[in-house]
Amino acid sequence: MKIVTVIPLDKGSFRTELTYFTAKDVKNGSIVSIFLRNKKILGLVISCQDVTNTKSGIKNMPFQLKKIVEIKEHSIFRNEFLESALELSSYFVSPKNIFQ
């Protein structure tokens, strides 16, 4: 099982990343379909980790993880682009959801 960090690609959604889980292998930059407030929206994967690496962190989470509904497209952005965009967002103190 994988723990996936996703940025929602919806106009009225949160301005932060969300955490989901999936059994499939998902690459950074992939477009996935997720549920947010009982509405199916698209999201951009910014990180994917194996559960064995984050097992203790999952137990301490104050929320329940939801499942990714569907993987739409694989890696529409190059990994170098995503890394530089996330690094620039932390350098200039801007939110990570620059894709909205």
Protein backbone atom coordinates (compact mmCIF):
# COMPACT_ATOMS: atom_id res chain seq x y z
CA MET A 1 0.00 0.00 0.00
CA LYS A 2 1.19 3.53 -0.81
CA ILE A 3 0.60 6.84 0.96
CA VAL A 4 0.10 9.58 -1.65
CA THR A 5 0.23 13.36 -1.16
CA VAL A 6 -2.09 15.16 -3.58
CA ILE A 7 -2.76 18.80 -4.49
CA PRO A 8 -6.45 19.23 -5.43
CA LEU A 9 -7.00 20.77 -8.88
CA ASP A 10 -10.34 22.34 -8.02
CA LYS A 11 -11.10 26.05 -7.79
CA GLY A 12 -12.94 25.99 -4.47
CA SER A 13 -10.77 23.42 -2.69
CA PHE A 14 -8.26 23.70 0.13
CA ARG A 15 -5.04 25.61 -0.39
CA THR A 16 -2.92 22.76 0.89
CA GLU A 17 -2.00 19.19 0.05
CA LEU A 18 -4.10 16.21 1.11
CA THR A 19 -3.10 12.63 1.95
CA TYR A 20 -4.69 9.53 0.40
CA PHE A 21 -3.81 5.85 0.00
CA THR A 22 -3.74 3.40 -2.89
CA ALA A 23 -2.57 -0.13 -3.63
CA LYS A 24 -1.31 0.83 -7.08
CA ASP A 25 2.05 2.35 -7.93
CA VAL A 26 1.66 6.09 -8.61
CA LYS A 27 4.43 8.35 -9.90
CA ASN A 28 4.94 11.99 -8.96
CA GLY A 29 3.18 14.27 -11.43
CA SER A 30 0.33 11.84 -12.10
CA ILE A 31 -3.27 13.03 -12.30
CA VAL A 32 -5.62 11.10 -10.01
CA SER A 33 -9.32 11.20 -9.25
CA ILE A 34 -10.14 11.74 -5.55
CA PHE A 35 -13.13 12.50 -3.35
CA LEU A 36 -13.18 15.84 -1.52
CA ARG A 37 -16.32 16.82 0.40
CA ASN A 38 -18.29 14.04 -1.33
CA LYS A 39 -17.37 15.46 -4.73
CA LYS A 40 -15.13 13.71 -7.25
CA ILE A 41 -12.28 16.00 -8.38
CA LEU A 42 -8.86 15.72 -9.98
CA GLY A 43 -5.60 16.03 -8.08
CA LEU A 44 -1.88 16.20 -8.82
CA VAL A 45 0.40 13.71 -7.04
CA ILE A 46 3.42 15.42 -5.49
CA SER A 47 4.78 12.51 -3.44
CA CYS A 48 4.26 8.79 -2.96
CA GLN A 49 5.68 6.72 -0.09
CA ASP A 50 5.41 3.10 0.92
CA VAL A 51 3.36 2.41 4.05
CA THR A 52 6.24 0.56 5.70
CA ASN A 53 8.24 3.82 5.78
CA THR A 54 5.45 5.87 7.41
CA LYS A 55 3.57 3.33 9.53
CA SER A 56 4.06 5.17 12.84
CA GLY A 57 3.03 8.47 11.24
CA ILE A 58 -0.22 6.96 9.97
CA LYS A 59 -1.24 5.82 13.45
CA ASN A 60 -0.75 9.35 14.83
CA MET A 61 -2.76 11.12 12.11
CA PRO A 62 -5.82 12.98 13.47
CA PHE A 63 -7.85 11.98 10.39
CA GLN A 64 -8.71 8.86 8.40
CA LEU A 65 -7.07 8.31 5.03
CA LYS A 66 -9.33 8.04 1.98
CA LYS A 67 -8.67 5.91 -1.07
CA ILE A 68 -7.70 7.29 -4.48
CA VAL A 69 -10.61 6.58 -6.82
CA GLU A 70 -8.73 6.29 -10.12
CA ILE A 71 -5.37 7.07 -11.70
CA LYS A 72 -6.15 9.17 -14.79
CA GLU A 73 -2.78 9.95 -16.39
CA HIS A 74 0.80 9.12 -15.58
CA SER A 75 3.33 11.93 -15.07
CA ILE A 76 2.14 14.90 -17.09
CA PHE A 77 5.03 16.90 -15.59
CA ARG A 78 8.68 15.92 -15.53
CA ASN A 79 10.03 15.07 -12.09
CA GLU A 80 12.61 17.89 -12.33
CA PHE A 81 9.83 20.43 -12.92
CA LEU A 82 7.87 19.26 -9.88
CA GLU A 83 10.97 19.30 -7.66
CA SER A 84 11.88 22.83 -8.75
CA ALA A 85 8.30 24.09 -8.33
CA LEU A 86 8.09 22.69 -4.79
CA GLU A 87 11.53 24.09 -3.93
CA LEU A 88 10.57 27.52 -5.26
CA SER A 89 7.30 27.47 -3.30
CA SER A 90 9.20 26.89 -0.07
CA TYR A 91 11.85 29.50 -0.95
CA PHE A 92 9.31 32.21 -1.76
CA VAL A 93 6.93 31.09 1.02
CA SER A 94 4.01 30.46 -1.29
CA PRO A 95 1.53 27.59 -1.16
CA LYS A 96 2.39 24.39 -2.98
CA ASN A 97 -0.78 24.46 -5.05
CA ILE A 98 0.68 26.80 -7.67
CA PHE A 99 -1.13 24.81 -10.34
CA GLN A 100 -4.51 26.43 -9.65
